[in-house]
Amino acid sequence: MVLLVGFAVMAGTFSVVQYVRTSQDQSLSLHTQSQAQMNAWIAAELVRQYLAGLSSTQFATLLTTVQGGGGGGHGAEFFG
């Protein structure tokens, strides 16, 4: 009888340990994903601020260069 109670307690302890470990793994995964998303939005905001600070001439020049008309080999072929 004592042996059965011991096995039951051991099985219950093992289940709790597995539950805690799984919860920790999920929490770490969620935290990592949240950090990556936050960093992506920070980068997007920095690009937005940079573009907003350009004059219309600078913006037109940048757009022409990105679309492949600015020479120098860094146009559309650079991105694709």
N, C-alpha and C. Protein backbone atom coordinates (compact mmCIF):
# COMPACT_ATOMS: atom_id res chain seq x y z
N MET A 1 0.83 -1.20 0.00
CA MET A 1 0.00 0.00 0.00
C MET A 1 0.87 1.26 0.00
N VAL A 2 1.89 1.28 0.84
CA VAL A 2 2.79 2.43 0.92
C VAL A 2 3.50 2.63 -0.42
N LEU A 3 3.84 1.52 -1.06
CA LEU A 3 4.50 1.58 -2.35
C LEU A 3 3.60 2.24 -3.40
N LEU A 4 2.31 1.91 -3.40
CA LEU A 4 1.37 2.51 -4.36
C LEU A 4 1.21 4.01 -4.11
N VAL A 5 1.14 4.40 -2.84
CA VAL A 5 1.04 5.82 -2.51
C VAL A 5 2.30 6.55 -2.96
N GLY A 6 3.45 5.92 -2.76
CA GLY A 6 4.71 6.51 -3.20
C GLY A 6 4.74 6.73 -4.71
N PHE A 7 4.28 5.72 -5.45
CA PHE A 7 4.23 5.86 -6.91
C PHE A 7 3.25 6.96 -7.33
N ALA A 8 2.14 7.06 -6.66
CA ALA A 8 1.15 8.09 -6.98
C ALA A 8 1.71 9.48 -6.73
N VAL A 9 2.40 9.64 -5.61
CA VAL A 9 3.01 10.95 -5.30
C VAL A 9 4.09 11.27 -6.32
N MET A 10 4.89 10.28 -6.68
CA MET A 10 5.95 10.49 -7.66
C MET A 10 5.36 10.88 -9.02
N ALA A 11 4.30 10.21 -9.44
CA ALA A 11 3.65 10.52 -10.72
C ALA A 11 3.06 11.93 -10.69
N GLY A 12 2.44 12.30 -9.58
CA GLY A 12 1.88 13.65 -9.46
C GLY A 12 2.98 14.71 -9.51
N THR A 13 4.08 14.46 -8.84
CA THR A 13 5.21 15.41 -8.86
C THR A 13 5.77 15.55 -10.26
N PHE A 14 5.93 14.43 -10.94
CA PHE A 14 6.43 14.46 -12.31
C PHE A 14 5.51 15.28 -13.22
N SER A 15 4.20 15.12 -13.05
CA SER A 15 3.23 15.87 -13.86
C SER A 15 3.35 17.37 -13.60
N VAL A 16 3.50 17.75 -12.35
CA VAL A 16 3.63 19.18 -12.02
C VAL A 16 4.91 19.75 -12.61
N VAL A 17 6.01 18.99 -12.51
CA VAL A 17 7.28 19.46 -13.07
C VAL A 17 7.16 19.65 -14.58
N GLN A 18 6.53 18.70 -15.27
CA GLN A 18 6.34 18.82 -16.72
C GLN A 18 5.48 20.04 -17.07
N TYR A 19 4.44 20.27 -16.30
CA TYR A 19 3.56 21.41 -16.53
C TYR A 19 4.33 22.72 -16.37
N VAL A 20 5.13 22.82 -15.32
CA VAL A 20 5.91 24.04 -15.08
C VAL A 20 6.92 24.24 -16.20
N ARG A 21 7.60 23.19 -16.61
CA ARG A 21 8.60 23.29 -17.68
C ARG A 21 7.96 23.74 -19.00
N THR A 22 6.80 23.16 -19.32
CA THR A 22 6.09 23.55 -20.54
C THR A 22 5.65 25.01 -20.47
N SER A 23 5.16 25.44 -19.33
CA SER A 23 4.74 26.83 -19.17
C SER A 23 5.92 27.79 -19.33
N GLN A 24 7.07 27.42 -18.80
CA GLN A 24 8.26 28.26 -18.94
C GLN A 24 8.70 28.35 -20.39
N ASP A 25 8.68 27.23 -21.10
CA ASP A 25 9.05 27.23 -22.52
C ASP A 25 8.12 28.12 -23.33
N GLN A 26 6.82 28.02 -23.06
CA GLN A 26 5.85 28.85 -23.78
C GLN A 26 6.05 30.33 -23.47
N SER A 27 6.35 30.63 -22.22
CA SER A 27 6.57 32.01 -21.82
C SER A 27 7.80 32.59 -22.51
N LEU A 28 8.87 31.82 -22.57
CA LEU A 28 10.10 32.27 -23.23
C LEU A 28 9.86 32.48 -24.72
N SER A 29 9.12 31.58 -25.33
CA SER A 29 8.81 31.69 -26.75
C SER A 29 8.00 32.95 -27.04
N LEU A 30 7.01 33.21 -26.20
CA LEU A 30 6.18 34.41 -26.37
C LEU A 30 7.00 35.67 -26.17
N HIS A 31 7.88 35.67 -25.18
CA HIS A 31 8.73 36.84 -24.93
C HIS A 31 9.65 37.11 -26.10
N THR A 32 10.24 36.06 -26.66
CA THR A 32 11.14 36.21 -27.81
C THR A 32 10.39 36.76 -29.02
N GLN A 33 9.20 36.25 -29.26
CA GLN A 33 8.39 36.73 -30.38
C GLN A 33 8.01 38.20 -30.17
N SER A 34 7.63 38.55 -28.95
CA SER A 34 7.26 39.94 -28.66
C SER A 34 8.43 40.88 -28.88
N GLN A 35 9.63 40.48 -28.45
CA GLN A 35 10.82 41.30 -28.65
C GLN A 35 11.11 41.50 -30.13
N ALA A 36 11.00 40.44 -30.91
CA ALA A 36 11.26 40.53 -32.35
C ALA A 36 10.25 41.46 -33.02
N GLN A 37 8.99 41.37 -32.64
CA GLN A 37 7.97 42.25 -33.22
C GLN A 37 8.22 43.69 -32.81
N MET A 38 8.61 43.92 -31.56
CA MET A 38 8.88 45.27 -31.09
C MET A 38 10.06 45.87 -31.86
N ASN A 39 11.11 45.08 -32.08
CA ASN A 39 12.26 45.57 -32.82
C ASN A 39 11.90 45.87 -34.28
N ALA A 40 11.05 45.06 -34.86
CA ALA A 40 10.63 45.32 -36.24
C ALA A 40 9.84 46.62 -36.34
N TRP A 41 8.96 46.89 -35.37
CA TRP A 41 8.19 48.13 -35.39
C TRP A 41 9.09 49.34 -35.12
N ILE A 42 10.10 49.18 -34.29
CA ILE A 42 11.06 50.28 -34.06
C ILE A 42 11.77 50.61 -35.37
N ALA A 43 12.21 49.58 -36.09
CA ALA A 43 12.88 49.80 -37.37
C ALA A 43 11.94 50.47 -38.37
N ALA A 44 10.71 50.03 -38.41
CA ALA A 44 9.74 50.64 -39.34
C ALA A 44 9.52 52.11 -38.99
N GLU A 45 9.45 52.43 -37.70
CA GLU A 45 9.27 53.82 -37.28
C GLU A 45 10.49 54.66 -37.64
N LEU A 46 11.69 54.11 -37.51
CA LEU A 46 12.90 54.85 -37.89
C LEU A 46 12.91 55.16 -39.38
N VAL A 47 12.50 54.19 -40.20
CA VAL A 47 12.43 54.42 -41.64
C VAL A 47 11.37 55.48 -41.94
N ARG A 48 10.23 55.41 -41.27
CA ARG A 48 9.18 56.40 -41.48
C ARG A 48 9.67 57.80 -41.14
N GLN A 49 10.37 57.93 -40.01
CA GLN A 49 10.89 59.24 -39.62
C GLN A 49 11.94 59.75 -40.61
N TYR A 50 12.78 58.84 -41.10
CA TYR A 50 13.78 59.25 -42.09
C TYR A 50 13.11 59.75 -43.36
N LEU A 51 12.13 59.00 -43.85
CA LEU A 51 11.44 59.39 -45.07
C LEU A 51 10.66 60.69 -44.88
N ALA A 52 10.08 60.87 -43.70
CA ALA A 52 9.33 62.09 -43.43
C ALA A 52 10.25 63.31 -43.38
N GLY A 53 11.51 63.11 -43.04
CA GLY A 53 12.46 64.22 -42.95
C GLY A 53 13.08 64.61 -44.28
N LEU A 54 12.84 63.84 -45.33
CA LEU A 54 13.42 64.15 -46.63
C LEU A 54 12.64 65.28 -47.31
N SER A 55 13.37 66.11 -48.04
CA SER A 55 12.69 67.10 -48.86
C SER A 55 12.08 66.38 -50.06
N SER A 56 11.21 67.07 -50.79
CA SER A 56 10.58 66.43 -51.94
C SER A 56 11.62 66.05 -53.00
N THR A 57 12.66 66.86 -53.14
CA THR A 57 13.72 66.56 -54.10
C THR A 57 14.51 65.32 -53.66
N GLN A 58 14.85 65.26 -52.38
CA GLN A 58 15.58 64.10 -51.87
C GLN A 58 14.73 62.83 -52.00
N PHE A 59 13.44 62.96 -51.72
CA PHE A 59 12.56 61.80 -51.82
C PHE A 59 12.45 61.33 -53.27
N ALA A 60 12.33 62.26 -54.19
CA ALA A 60 12.24 61.90 -55.61
C ALA A 60 13.53 61.22 -56.07
N THR A 61 14.67 61.73 -55.62
CA THR A 61 15.95 61.12 -55.98
C THR A 61 16.04 59.71 -55.42
N LEU A 62 15.65 59.53 -54.17
CA LEU A 62 15.66 58.20 -53.56
C LEU A 62 14.74 57.25 -54.30
N LEU A 63 13.55 57.71 -54.63
CA LEU A 63 12.59 56.87 -55.34
C LEU A 63 13.12 56.47 -56.71
N THR A 64 13.72 57.41 -57.43
CA THR A 64 14.30 57.12 -58.74
C THR A 64 15.42 56.09 -58.62
N THR A 65 16.25 56.24 -57.60
CA THR A 65 17.36 55.31 -57.40
C THR A 65 16.86 53.91 -57.08
N VAL A 66 15.87 53.82 -56.22
CA VAL A 66 15.34 52.51 -55.83
C VAL A 66 14.65 51.83 -57.02
N GLN A 67 14.02 52.62 -57.87
CA GLN A 67 13.33 52.05 -59.02
C GLN A 67 14.26 51.73 -60.17
N GLY A 68 15.54 52.03 -60.02
CA GLY A 68 16.50 51.62 -61.03
C GLY A 68 16.92 52.70 -62.00
N GLY A 69 16.50 53.91 -61.81
CA GLY A 69 16.86 54.96 -62.74
C GLY A 69 18.00 55.84 -62.29
N GLY A 70 18.59 55.53 -61.14
CA GLY A 70 19.62 56.41 -60.60
C GLY A 70 21.03 56.04 -60.96
N GLY A 71 21.21 54.97 -61.73
CA GLY A 71 22.55 54.54 -62.07
C GLY A 71 23.26 53.93 -60.87
N GLY A 72 24.51 53.60 -61.06
CA GLY A 72 25.29 53.07 -59.96
C GLY A 72 25.01 51.62 -59.62
N GLY A 73 24.10 50.99 -60.28
CA GLY A 73 23.85 49.57 -60.06
C GLY A 73 23.16 49.22 -58.76
N HIS A 74 22.52 50.21 -58.13
CA HIS A 74 21.85 49.91 -56.86
C HIS A 74 20.36 50.17 -56.99
N GLY A 75 19.81 49.91 -58.13
CA GLY A 75 18.39 50.16 -58.35
C GLY A 75 17.57 48.92 -58.07
N ALA A 76 16.55 48.72 -58.89
CA ALA A 76 15.61 47.61 -58.69
C ALA A 76 16.32 46.26 -58.76
N GLU A 77 17.38 46.17 -59.59
CA GLU A 77 18.08 44.89 -59.68
C GLU A 77 18.77 44.54 -58.36
N PHE A 78 19.05 45.53 -57.55
CA PHE A 78 19.66 45.29 -56.24
C PHE A 78 18.69 44.54 -55.33
N PHE A 79 17.39 44.83 -55.46
CA PHE A 79 16.39 44.23 -54.59
C PHE A 79 15.81 42.95 -55.16
N GLY A 80 16.01 42.68 -56.37
CA GLY A 80 15.37 41.50 -56.92
C GLY A 80 16.28 40.74 -57.77
